[in-house]
Amino acid sequence: MQPIKFYSVDDFLAFLTEDELRIVTFLRDIVYNCMPFCKEKLAYNVPYFYIHKRVLFIWPSSVPWGKVAKNGVMIGFCKGNLIPDEINYLDKGNRKEVFSKTFFSIDEIDIDVLKTYIFSAVEIDKEQN
């Protein structure tokens, strides 16, 4: 059971720590830059981004019911198992389908690399519909 229920993305954003909010805002800007036509909706109390189906999500560690480290913000790719990952950028954990990357500061986000993964996720979404 989740101890908190967010009713909007704004509720979610207001809940975050200052550090997480900076990272989440930065990641959302990148996502919208790559996927300006996507829909953002809360699922599991975090923002998921949809085109045809769920493409990716942003999950900060302060949302306690996720599989995120004790700090940082995870960007997860719903069909991450289908994204080419020759540089082992994504954390596969023990999951079969959802792969992710956790950031602890904006400085460690390589925008160009992240965009490449987002564009791959968009293509996979298009191909599966």
N, C-alpha and C. Protein backbone atom coordinates (compact mmCIF):
# COMPACT_ATOMS: atom_id res chain seq x y z
N MET A 1 0.83 -1.18 0.00
CA MET A 1 0.00 0.00 0.00
C MET A 1 0.88 1.25 0.00
N GLN A 2 0.49 2.22 -0.79
CA GLN A 2 1.25 3.44 -0.91
C GLN A 2 0.77 4.45 0.13
N PRO A 3 1.70 5.02 0.92
CA PRO A 3 1.29 5.93 1.99
C PRO A 3 0.85 7.31 1.51
N ILE A 4 1.10 7.64 0.25
CA ILE A 4 0.79 8.96 -0.27
C ILE A 4 0.07 8.78 -1.61
N LYS A 5 -0.87 9.65 -1.90
CA LYS A 5 -1.56 9.63 -3.19
C LYS A 5 -1.47 11.02 -3.80
N PHE A 6 -0.81 11.10 -4.95
CA PHE A 6 -0.74 12.35 -5.67
C PHE A 6 -1.90 12.42 -6.65
N TYR A 7 -2.53 13.58 -6.74
CA TYR A 7 -3.68 13.75 -7.62
C TYR A 7 -3.31 14.44 -8.93
N SER A 8 -2.09 14.95 -9.00
CA SER A 8 -1.63 15.60 -10.23
C SER A 8 -0.11 15.60 -10.25
N VAL A 9 0.44 15.90 -11.41
CA VAL A 9 1.89 16.02 -11.52
C VAL A 9 2.38 17.15 -10.62
N ASP A 10 1.59 18.22 -10.52
CA ASP A 10 1.98 19.32 -9.63
C ASP A 10 2.07 18.88 -8.17
N ASP A 11 1.13 18.04 -7.73
CA ASP A 11 1.20 17.47 -6.37
C ASP A 11 2.49 16.69 -6.19
N PHE A 12 2.80 15.86 -7.18
CA PHE A 12 4.02 15.05 -7.17
C PHE A 12 5.25 15.96 -7.06
N LEU A 13 5.32 16.99 -7.91
CA LEU A 13 6.48 17.88 -7.91
C LEU A 13 6.63 18.62 -6.58
N ALA A 14 5.52 19.02 -5.98
CA ALA A 14 5.56 19.73 -4.71
C ALA A 14 6.08 18.85 -3.57
N PHE A 15 5.97 17.55 -3.70
CA PHE A 15 6.40 16.59 -2.68
C PHE A 15 7.92 16.40 -2.66
N LEU A 16 8.58 16.66 -3.78
CA LEU A 16 10.00 16.33 -3.95
C LEU A 16 10.92 17.24 -3.14
N THR A 17 12.08 16.70 -2.79
CA THR A 17 13.12 17.52 -2.19
C THR A 17 13.65 18.48 -3.26
N GLU A 18 14.33 19.50 -2.82
CA GLU A 18 14.87 20.49 -3.76
C GLU A 18 15.83 19.84 -4.76
N ASP A 19 16.71 18.97 -4.28
CA ASP A 19 17.66 18.30 -5.19
C ASP A 19 16.94 17.42 -6.20
N GLU A 20 15.97 16.65 -5.73
CA GLU A 20 15.22 15.79 -6.65
C GLU A 20 14.43 16.61 -7.66
N LEU A 21 13.85 17.69 -7.20
CA LEU A 21 13.06 18.54 -8.10
C LEU A 21 13.91 19.07 -9.23
N ARG A 22 15.14 19.47 -8.94
CA ARG A 22 16.04 19.96 -9.99
C ARG A 22 16.29 18.87 -11.04
N ILE A 23 16.58 17.67 -10.57
CA ILE A 23 16.87 16.56 -11.50
C ILE A 23 15.61 16.17 -12.27
N VAL A 24 14.49 16.05 -11.58
CA VAL A 24 13.23 15.67 -12.25
C VAL A 24 12.87 16.71 -13.30
N THR A 25 12.96 17.98 -12.97
CA THR A 25 12.64 19.04 -13.93
C THR A 25 13.55 18.98 -15.14
N PHE A 26 14.82 18.76 -14.90
CA PHE A 26 15.80 18.66 -15.99
C PHE A 26 15.47 17.47 -16.89
N LEU A 27 15.17 16.32 -16.28
CA LEU A 27 14.83 15.13 -17.07
C LEU A 27 13.53 15.32 -17.84
N ARG A 28 12.53 15.92 -17.21
CA ARG A 28 11.26 16.18 -17.90
C ARG A 28 11.48 17.07 -19.12
N ASP A 29 12.35 18.08 -18.98
CA ASP A 29 12.64 18.96 -20.11
C ASP A 29 13.27 18.17 -21.27
N ILE A 30 14.17 17.26 -20.95
CA ILE A 30 14.79 16.44 -21.99
C ILE A 30 13.75 15.54 -22.64
N VAL A 31 12.90 14.92 -21.84
CA VAL A 31 11.86 14.04 -22.37
C VAL A 31 10.94 14.83 -23.30
N TYR A 32 10.47 15.98 -22.87
CA TYR A 32 9.57 16.78 -23.72
C TYR A 32 10.28 17.29 -24.97
N ASN A 33 11.58 17.52 -24.89
CA ASN A 33 12.34 17.92 -26.06
C ASN A 33 12.39 16.79 -27.09
N CYS A 34 12.51 15.56 -26.59
CA CYS A 34 12.58 14.39 -27.48
C CYS A 34 11.20 13.88 -27.90
N MET A 35 10.21 14.10 -27.04
CA MET A 35 8.87 13.55 -27.25
C MET A 35 7.82 14.64 -27.03
N PRO A 36 7.83 15.70 -27.84
CA PRO A 36 6.92 16.82 -27.58
C PRO A 36 5.44 16.43 -27.70
N PHE A 37 5.17 15.32 -28.31
CA PHE A 37 3.81 14.85 -28.56
C PHE A 37 3.33 13.84 -27.53
N CYS A 38 4.13 13.60 -26.50
CA CYS A 38 3.78 12.58 -25.51
C CYS A 38 2.75 13.09 -24.53
N LYS A 39 2.15 12.15 -23.81
CA LYS A 39 1.26 12.49 -22.70
C LYS A 39 1.96 12.08 -21.42
N GLU A 40 1.87 12.94 -20.42
CA GLU A 40 2.43 12.65 -19.10
C GLU A 40 1.27 12.38 -18.15
N LYS A 41 1.29 11.22 -17.52
CA LYS A 41 0.25 10.86 -16.56
C LYS A 41 0.90 10.17 -15.37
N LEU A 42 0.30 10.34 -14.22
CA LEU A 42 0.79 9.64 -13.04
C LEU A 42 0.33 8.19 -13.08
N ALA A 43 1.26 7.30 -12.81
CA ALA A 43 0.98 5.89 -12.61
C ALA A 43 1.91 5.45 -11.49
N TYR A 44 1.41 4.68 -10.57
CA TYR A 44 2.19 4.31 -9.39
C TYR A 44 2.71 5.54 -8.66
N ASN A 45 2.01 6.66 -8.81
CA ASN A 45 2.34 7.92 -8.16
C ASN A 45 3.58 8.61 -8.70
N VAL A 46 4.03 8.25 -9.89
CA VAL A 46 5.15 8.94 -10.54
C VAL A 46 4.76 9.23 -11.99
N PRO A 47 5.42 10.19 -12.63
CA PRO A 47 5.07 10.51 -14.01
C PRO A 47 5.57 9.46 -15.01
N TYR A 48 4.63 8.97 -15.79
CA TYR A 48 4.93 8.10 -16.92
C TYR A 48 4.63 8.90 -18.18
N PHE A 49 5.41 8.63 -19.21
CA PHE A 49 5.26 9.34 -20.48
C PHE A 49 4.82 8.33 -21.54
N TYR A 50 3.73 8.66 -22.22
CA TYR A 50 3.08 7.75 -23.17
C TYR A 50 3.09 8.35 -24.57
N ILE A 51 3.20 7.49 -25.55
CA ILE A 51 2.87 7.85 -26.92
C ILE A 51 1.70 6.94 -27.29
N HIS A 52 2.00 5.71 -27.68
CA HIS A 52 0.94 4.71 -27.86
C HIS A 52 0.74 3.93 -26.57
N LYS A 53 1.86 3.57 -25.97
CA LYS A 53 1.89 2.85 -24.70
C LYS A 53 2.88 3.58 -23.79
N ARG A 54 3.10 3.03 -22.62
CA ARG A 54 4.10 3.61 -21.72
C ARG A 54 5.48 3.51 -22.36
N VAL A 55 6.15 4.64 -22.44
CA VAL A 55 7.50 4.68 -23.02
C VAL A 55 8.54 4.73 -21.91
N LEU A 56 8.36 5.64 -20.97
CA LEU A 56 9.34 5.79 -19.89
C LEU A 56 8.70 6.46 -18.70
N PHE A 57 9.44 6.47 -17.60
CA PHE A 57 8.97 7.11 -16.37
C PHE A 57 10.13 7.77 -15.66
N ILE A 58 9.79 8.65 -14.75
CA ILE A 58 10.79 9.30 -13.89
C ILE A 58 10.38 9.01 -12.45
N TRP A 59 11.30 8.38 -11.69
CA TRP A 59 10.95 7.92 -10.34
C TRP A 59 12.02 8.37 -9.35
N PRO A 60 11.74 9.41 -8.56
CA PRO A 60 12.69 9.85 -7.54
C PRO A 60 12.68 8.93 -6.32
N SER A 61 13.79 8.89 -5.62
CA SER A 61 13.91 7.98 -4.48
C SER A 61 12.98 8.35 -3.33
N SER A 62 12.55 9.59 -3.25
CA SER A 62 11.66 9.97 -2.15
C SER A 62 10.25 9.39 -2.30
N VAL A 63 9.93 8.85 -3.45
CA VAL A 63 8.68 8.12 -3.62
C VAL A 63 9.00 6.69 -3.18
N PRO A 64 8.62 6.33 -1.97
CA PRO A 64 9.21 5.19 -1.27
C PRO A 64 8.87 3.80 -1.79
N TRP A 65 7.89 3.65 -2.63
CA TRP A 65 7.47 2.31 -3.02
C TRP A 65 8.08 1.87 -4.34
N GLY A 66 9.05 2.60 -4.82
CA GLY A 66 9.73 2.22 -6.05
C GLY A 66 10.98 1.41 -5.77
N LYS A 67 11.61 0.93 -6.80
CA LYS A 67 12.85 0.17 -6.66
C LYS A 67 14.03 1.08 -6.98
N VAL A 68 14.06 2.22 -6.32
CA VAL A 68 15.09 3.22 -6.54
C VAL A 68 16.05 3.18 -5.36
N ALA A 69 17.28 3.57 -5.61
CA ALA A 69 18.27 3.65 -4.54
C ALA A 69 17.77 4.60 -3.45
N LYS A 70 18.51 4.70 -2.37
CA LYS A 70 18.10 5.55 -1.25
C LYS A 70 18.14 7.03 -1.59
N ASN A 71 18.79 7.37 -2.68
CA ASN A 71 18.74 8.74 -3.17
C ASN A 71 18.90 8.72 -4.68
N GLY A 72 18.64 9.84 -5.30
CA GLY A 72 18.73 9.93 -6.75
C GLY A 72 17.38 9.86 -7.42
N VAL A 73 17.42 10.02 -8.73
CA VAL A 73 16.21 9.99 -9.56
C VAL A 73 16.44 9.03 -10.71
N MET A 74 15.53 8.09 -10.83
CA MET A 74 15.63 7.07 -11.88
C MET A 74 14.80 7.48 -13.09
N ILE A 75 15.36 7.30 -14.26
CA ILE A 75 14.57 7.33 -15.49
C ILE A 75 14.52 5.89 -15.96
N GLY A 76 13.31 5.41 -16.18
CA GLY A 76 13.14 4.01 -16.55
C GLY A 76 12.50 3.89 -17.91
N PHE A 77 12.97 2.93 -18.66
CA PHE A 77 12.46 2.68 -20.01
C PHE A 77 11.62 1.42 -19.97
N CYS A 78 10.35 1.58 -20.27
CA CYS A 78 9.38 0.48 -20.11
C CYS A 78 9.70 -0.72 -20.99
N LYS A 79 10.29 -0.50 -22.13
CA LYS A 79 10.74 -1.59 -23.01
C LYS A 79 12.26 -1.52 -23.15
N GLY A 80 12.92 -1.29 -22.03
CA GLY A 80 14.37 -1.13 -22.03
C GLY A 80 15.11 -2.35 -22.55
N ASN A 81 14.51 -3.51 -22.40
CA ASN A 81 15.15 -4.72 -22.90
C ASN A 81 15.28 -4.72 -24.41
N LEU A 82 14.54 -3.88 -25.11
CA LEU A 82 14.60 -3.82 -26.57
C LEU A 82 15.50 -2.70 -27.09
N ILE A 83 16.00 -1.86 -26.19
CA ILE A 83 16.86 -0.74 -26.59
C ILE A 83 18.30 -1.25 -26.74
N PRO A 84 18.92 -0.99 -27.89
CA PRO A 84 20.34 -1.36 -28.04
C PRO A 84 21.17 -0.63 -26.97
N ASP A 85 22.02 -1.38 -26.29
CA ASP A 85 22.78 -0.80 -25.17
C ASP A 85 24.21 -1.33 -25.18
N GLU A 86 24.92 -1.04 -26.24
CA GLU A 86 26.30 -1.53 -26.38
C GLU A 86 27.24 -0.94 -25.33
N ILE A 87 26.90 0.23 -24.79
CA ILE A 87 27.78 0.86 -23.81
C ILE A 87 27.36 0.55 -22.37
N ASN A 88 26.39 -0.35 -22.20
CA ASN A 88 25.90 -0.73 -20.87
C ASN A 88 25.52 0.48 -20.02
N TYR A 89 24.79 1.38 -20.64
CA TYR A 89 24.34 2.60 -19.99
C TYR A 89 23.23 2.33 -18.98
N LEU A 90 22.37 1.39 -19.32
CA LEU A 90 21.19 1.13 -18.50
C LEU A 90 21.45 0.04 -17.47
N ASP A 91 20.80 0.21 -16.33
CA ASP A 91 20.84 -0.80 -15.27
C ASP A 91 19.73 -1.79 -15.53
N LYS A 92 20.11 -3.04 -15.68
CA LYS A 92 19.12 -4.08 -15.95
C LYS A 92 18.60 -4.69 -14.66
N GLY A 93 19.35 -4.54 -13.58
CA GLY A 93 18.93 -5.11 -12.30
C GLY A 93 18.54 -6.56 -12.48
N ASN A 94 17.47 -6.96 -11.84
CA ASN A 94 16.97 -8.32 -12.02
C ASN A 94 15.66 -8.30 -12.79
N ARG A 95 15.45 -7.24 -13.55
CA ARG A 95 14.22 -7.09 -14.31
C ARG A 95 14.39 -7.60 -15.72
N LYS A 96 13.31 -8.07 -16.29
CA LYS A 96 13.36 -8.64 -17.63
C LYS A 96 13.07 -7.61 -18.71
N GLU A 97 12.31 -6.58 -18.40
CA GLU A 97 11.84 -5.66 -19.43
C GLU A 97 12.20 -4.21 -19.16
N VAL A 98 11.96 -3.73 -17.96
CA VAL A 98 12.20 -2.33 -17.61
C VAL A 98 13.67 -2.16 -17.21
N PHE A 99 14.38 -1.33 -17.97
CA PHE A 99 15.76 -1.01 -17.64
C PHE A 99 15.81 0.48 -17.31
N SER A 100 16.81 0.89 -16.53
CA SER A 100 16.79 2.25 -16.01
C SER A 100 18.19 2.82 -15.86
N LYS A 101 18.22 4.10 -15.51
CA LYS A 101 19.44 4.82 -15.18
C LYS A 101 19.11 5.75 -14.03
N THR A 102 19.92 5.75 -12.99
CA THR A 102 19.68 6.62 -11.84
C THR A 102 20.73 7.72 -11.83
N PHE A 103 20.25 8.94 -11.61
CA PHE A 103 21.11 10.12 -11.56
C PHE A 103 21.06 10.71 -10.16
N PHE A 104 22.22 11.18 -9.71
CA PHE A 104 22.33 11.78 -8.39
C PHE A 104 22.57 13.28 -8.46
N SER A 105 22.83 13.78 -9.67
CA SER A 105 22.97 15.22 -9.91
C SER A 105 22.74 15.48 -11.40
N ILE A 106 22.45 16.71 -11.71
CA ILE A 106 22.27 17.11 -13.11
C ILE A 106 23.59 16.99 -13.86
N ASP A 107 24.70 17.28 -13.17
CA ASP A 107 26.02 17.27 -13.81
C ASP A 107 26.39 15.93 -14.43
N GLU A 108 25.85 14.84 -13.90
CA GLU A 108 26.23 13.54 -14.43
C GLU A 108 25.34 13.08 -15.59
N ILE A 109 24.37 13.89 -15.98
CA ILE A 109 23.49 13.53 -17.08
C ILE A 109 24.13 13.93 -18.40
N ASP A 110 24.47 12.95 -19.21
CA ASP A 110 24.98 13.21 -20.56
C ASP A 110 23.75 13.33 -21.45
N ILE A 111 23.40 14.56 -21.78
CA ILE A 111 22.15 14.83 -22.50
C ILE A 111 22.11 14.09 -23.83
N ASP A 112 23.19 14.11 -24.58
CA ASP A 112 23.19 13.47 -25.90
C ASP A 112 22.98 11.96 -25.80
N VAL A 113 23.65 11.33 -24.85
CA VAL A 113 23.48 9.89 -24.68
C VAL A 113 22.05 9.57 -24.25
N LEU A 114 21.54 10.33 -23.27
CA LEU A 114 20.18 10.09 -22.81
C LEU A 114 19.17 10.27 -23.94
N LYS A 115 19.35 11.30 -24.74
CA LYS A 115 18.44 11.53 -25.88
C LYS A 115 18.46 10.34 -26.84
N THR A 116 19.62 9.77 -27.05
CA THR A 116 19.72 8.60 -27.94
C THR A 116 18.85 7.46 -27.42
N TYR A 117 18.88 7.24 -26.13
CA TYR A 117 18.07 6.18 -25.53
C TYR A 117 16.57 6.52 -25.58
N ILE A 118 16.24 7.77 -25.37
CA ILE A 118 14.84 8.17 -25.46
C ILE A 118 14.33 8.00 -26.88
N PHE A 119 15.11 8.43 -27.87
CA PHE A 119 14.69 8.26 -29.26
C PHE A 119 14.54 6.79 -29.63
N SER A 120 15.41 5.94 -29.10
CA SER A 120 15.26 4.49 -29.32
C SER A 120 13.96 3.98 -28.71
N ALA A 121 13.64 4.44 -27.52
CA ALA A 121 12.40 4.03 -26.87
C ALA A 121 11.18 4.48 -27.67
N VAL A 122 11.24 5.67 -28.25
CA VAL A 122 10.15 6.18 -29.08
C VAL A 122 9.98 5.30 -30.31
N GLU A 123 11.07 4.93 -30.94
CA GLU A 123 11.00 4.07 -32.13
C GLU A 123 10.39 2.71 -31.79
N ILE A 124 10.78 2.17 -30.67
CA ILE A 124 10.22 0.87 -30.24
C ILE A 124 8.72 1.00 -30.02
N ASP A 125 8.29 2.09 -29.41
CA ASP A 125 6.86 2.32 -29.20
C ASP A 125 6.13 2.39 -30.55
N LYS A 126 6.70 3.08 -31.52
CA LYS A 126 6.08 3.19 -32.84
C LYS A 126 6.00 1.83 -33.53
N GLU A 127 7.07 1.05 -33.43
CA GLU A 127 7.13 -0.26 -34.10
C GLU A 127 6.13 -1.25 -33.51
N GLN A 128 5.82 -1.11 -32.24
CA GLN A 128 4.94 -2.07 -31.59
C GLN A 128 3.47 -1.71 -31.70
N ASN A 129 3.18 -0.69 -32.51
CA ASN A 129 1.77 -0.30 -32.69
C ASN A 129 1.37 -0.26 -34.14
